[in-house]
Amino acid sequence: MALKITDECINCAACEPECPTQAITEGPEYFVIDPDKCVECVGHFDEPQCKTVCPVECIFPLEG
């Protein structure tokens, strides 16, 4: 499964350097997560690091 960033993102860029697979990039309006690269930090950390550092809680599971 992958995560997504909603339009509530404030473009603080806190999440981008925390991603171990470089799945997070700056999009045209706010940061985005490449679902093909996102592994929710499985194999790297116990929980998704982007969610841990996000100050506005705008990162959620990508719905099928």
N, C-alpha and C. Protein backbone atom coordinates (compact mmCIF):
# COMPACT_ATOMS: atom_id res chain seq x y z
N MET A 1 0.84 -1.18 0.00
CA MET A 1 0.00 0.00 0.00
C MET A 1 0.89 1.24 0.00
N ALA A 2 0.34 2.34 -0.43
CA ALA A 2 1.07 3.60 -0.49
C ALA A 2 0.28 4.67 0.25
N LEU A 3 0.95 5.80 0.45
CA LEU A 3 0.32 6.94 1.10
C LEU A 3 0.10 8.05 0.09
N LYS A 4 -0.74 9.02 0.46
CA LYS A 4 -0.95 10.20 -0.38
C LYS A 4 -0.95 11.43 0.51
N ILE A 5 -0.65 12.57 -0.09
CA ILE A 5 -0.68 13.85 0.60
C ILE A 5 -1.90 14.60 0.08
N THR A 6 -2.73 15.10 0.98
CA THR A 6 -3.94 15.82 0.58
C THR A 6 -3.64 17.29 0.33
N ASP A 7 -4.65 17.99 -0.16
CA ASP A 7 -4.49 19.41 -0.46
C ASP A 7 -4.40 20.28 0.79
N GLU A 8 -4.45 19.67 1.96
CA GLU A 8 -4.24 20.41 3.20
C GLU A 8 -2.75 20.66 3.46
N CYS A 9 -1.88 20.11 2.63
CA CYS A 9 -0.43 20.29 2.74
C CYS A 9 -0.08 21.78 2.70
N ILE A 10 0.80 22.20 3.61
CA ILE A 10 1.22 23.60 3.67
C ILE A 10 2.59 23.82 3.04
N ASN A 11 3.10 22.83 2.32
CA ASN A 11 4.39 22.92 1.63
C ASN A 11 5.56 23.25 2.55
N CYS A 12 5.55 22.66 3.72
CA CYS A 12 6.64 22.92 4.67
C CYS A 12 7.90 22.14 4.32
N ALA A 13 7.76 21.08 3.52
CA ALA A 13 8.87 20.25 3.05
C ALA A 13 9.48 19.37 4.14
N ALA A 14 8.84 19.23 5.27
CA ALA A 14 9.38 18.40 6.35
C ALA A 14 9.41 16.92 5.96
N CYS A 15 8.46 16.50 5.15
CA CYS A 15 8.34 15.09 4.80
C CYS A 15 9.37 14.63 3.77
N GLU A 16 9.71 15.47 2.84
CA GLU A 16 10.55 15.07 1.71
C GLU A 16 11.87 14.42 2.12
N PRO A 17 12.66 15.03 2.99
CA PRO A 17 13.94 14.40 3.34
C PRO A 17 13.81 13.16 4.22
N GLU A 18 12.65 12.94 4.81
CA GLU A 18 12.44 11.79 5.69
C GLU A 18 12.14 10.50 4.94
N CYS A 19 11.77 10.59 3.67
CA CYS A 19 11.37 9.41 2.90
C CYS A 19 12.58 8.59 2.47
N PRO A 20 12.67 7.33 2.93
CA PRO A 20 13.83 6.51 2.60
C PRO A 20 13.86 6.03 1.14
N THR A 21 12.73 6.15 0.43
CA THR A 21 12.69 5.70 -0.96
C THR A 21 12.59 6.86 -1.95
N GLN A 22 12.73 8.08 -1.47
CA GLN A 22 12.63 9.29 -2.29
C GLN A 22 11.32 9.33 -3.08
N ALA A 23 10.23 8.90 -2.46
CA ALA A 23 8.92 8.87 -3.11
C ALA A 23 8.21 10.22 -3.05
N ILE A 24 8.69 11.13 -2.22
CA ILE A 24 8.02 12.42 -2.04
C ILE A 24 8.76 13.51 -2.82
N THR A 25 7.99 14.24 -3.61
CA THR A 25 8.54 15.34 -4.39
C THR A 25 7.59 16.53 -4.34
N GLU A 26 8.11 17.69 -4.71
CA GLU A 26 7.28 18.88 -4.75
C GLU A 26 6.42 18.85 -6.01
N GLY A 27 5.12 18.93 -5.82
CA GLY A 27 4.21 18.94 -6.95
C GLY A 27 3.85 20.36 -7.34
N PRO A 28 2.96 20.53 -8.31
CA PRO A 28 2.60 21.87 -8.77
C PRO A 28 1.88 22.72 -7.71
N GLU A 29 1.14 22.06 -6.80
CA GLU A 29 0.42 22.80 -5.77
C GLU A 29 0.88 22.46 -4.36
N TYR A 30 1.28 21.22 -4.16
CA TYR A 30 1.77 20.76 -2.85
C TYR A 30 2.57 19.49 -3.08
N PHE A 31 3.21 18.99 -2.04
CA PHE A 31 4.05 17.81 -2.17
C PHE A 31 3.19 16.59 -2.53
N VAL A 32 3.79 15.67 -3.28
CA VAL A 32 3.09 14.47 -3.73
C VAL A 32 3.95 13.24 -3.44
N ILE A 33 3.28 12.09 -3.33
CA ILE A 33 3.95 10.82 -3.08
C ILE A 33 3.75 9.93 -4.30
N ASP A 34 4.84 9.41 -4.84
CA ASP A 34 4.78 8.49 -5.96
C ASP A 34 4.37 7.12 -5.41
N PRO A 35 3.16 6.65 -5.75
CA PRO A 35 2.69 5.38 -5.18
C PRO A 35 3.53 4.17 -5.61
N ASP A 36 4.25 4.30 -6.71
CA ASP A 36 5.11 3.19 -7.15
C ASP A 36 6.39 3.08 -6.32
N LYS A 37 6.75 4.16 -5.64
CA LYS A 37 7.96 4.16 -4.80
C LYS A 37 7.66 4.04 -3.31
N CYS A 38 6.46 4.44 -2.91
CA CYS A 38 6.11 4.46 -1.49
C CYS A 38 5.90 3.04 -0.95
N VAL A 39 6.60 2.73 0.14
CA VAL A 39 6.45 1.44 0.81
C VAL A 39 5.99 1.63 2.26
N GLU A 40 5.52 2.84 2.58
CA GLU A 40 5.09 3.19 3.93
C GLU A 40 6.18 2.90 4.95
N CYS A 41 7.42 3.00 4.52
CA CYS A 41 8.61 2.80 5.34
C CYS A 41 8.81 1.36 5.83
N VAL A 42 8.03 0.42 5.30
CA VAL A 42 8.19 -0.99 5.67
C VAL A 42 9.60 -1.43 5.27
N GLY A 43 10.29 -2.04 6.21
CA GLY A 43 11.66 -2.47 5.98
C GLY A 43 12.69 -1.41 6.33
N HIS A 44 12.20 -0.19 6.63
CA HIS A 44 13.09 0.91 6.99
C HIS A 44 12.83 1.40 8.41
N PHE A 45 11.55 1.62 8.72
CA PHE A 45 11.14 2.15 10.03
C PHE A 45 9.86 1.46 10.48
N ASP A 46 9.52 1.63 11.76
CA ASP A 46 8.31 1.01 12.30
C ASP A 46 7.04 1.71 11.86
N GLU A 47 7.13 2.99 11.48
CA GLU A 47 5.98 3.75 11.02
C GLU A 47 6.41 4.72 9.93
N PRO A 48 5.48 5.14 9.09
CA PRO A 48 5.84 6.07 8.02
C PRO A 48 6.41 7.38 8.57
N GLN A 49 7.61 7.68 8.18
CA GLN A 49 8.30 8.85 8.71
C GLN A 49 7.66 10.16 8.26
N CYS A 50 7.09 10.19 7.07
CA CYS A 50 6.45 11.42 6.59
C CYS A 50 5.28 11.80 7.50
N LYS A 51 4.51 10.80 7.91
CA LYS A 51 3.38 11.06 8.81
C LYS A 51 3.86 11.53 10.16
N THR A 52 4.99 11.03 10.60
CA THR A 52 5.53 11.39 11.91
C THR A 52 5.91 12.87 11.98
N VAL A 53 6.46 13.40 10.90
CA VAL A 53 6.93 14.80 10.92
C VAL A 53 5.93 15.80 10.37
N CYS A 54 4.84 15.35 9.78
CA CYS A 54 3.87 16.27 9.18
C CYS A 54 3.15 17.10 10.25
N PRO A 55 3.27 18.44 10.18
CA PRO A 55 2.64 19.27 11.21
C PRO A 55 1.14 19.47 11.04
N VAL A 56 0.58 19.14 9.87
CA VAL A 56 -0.84 19.36 9.65
C VAL A 56 -1.61 18.06 9.43
N GLU A 57 -0.96 16.93 9.55
CA GLU A 57 -1.59 15.62 9.40
C GLU A 57 -2.40 15.51 8.11
N CYS A 58 -1.70 15.65 6.99
CA CYS A 58 -2.35 15.60 5.68
C CYS A 58 -1.92 14.39 4.87
N ILE A 59 -1.36 13.38 5.51
CA ILE A 59 -0.88 12.19 4.81
C ILE A 59 -1.72 10.98 5.25
N PHE A 60 -2.33 10.33 4.25
CA PHE A 60 -3.25 9.24 4.50
C PHE A 60 -2.99 8.09 3.53
N PRO A 61 -3.53 6.89 3.84
CA PRO A 61 -3.39 5.77 2.88
C PRO A 61 -4.05 6.09 1.55
N LEU A 62 -3.41 5.67 0.49
CA LEU A 62 -3.96 5.83 -0.87
C LEU A 62 -5.07 4.81 -1.03
N GLU A 63 -6.24 5.27 -1.40
CA GLU A 63 -7.39 4.38 -1.55
C GLU A 63 -7.38 3.75 -2.93
N GLY A 64 -7.59 2.42 -2.96
CA GLY A 64 -7.55 1.58 -4.11
C GLY A 64 -8.13 2.09 -5.35
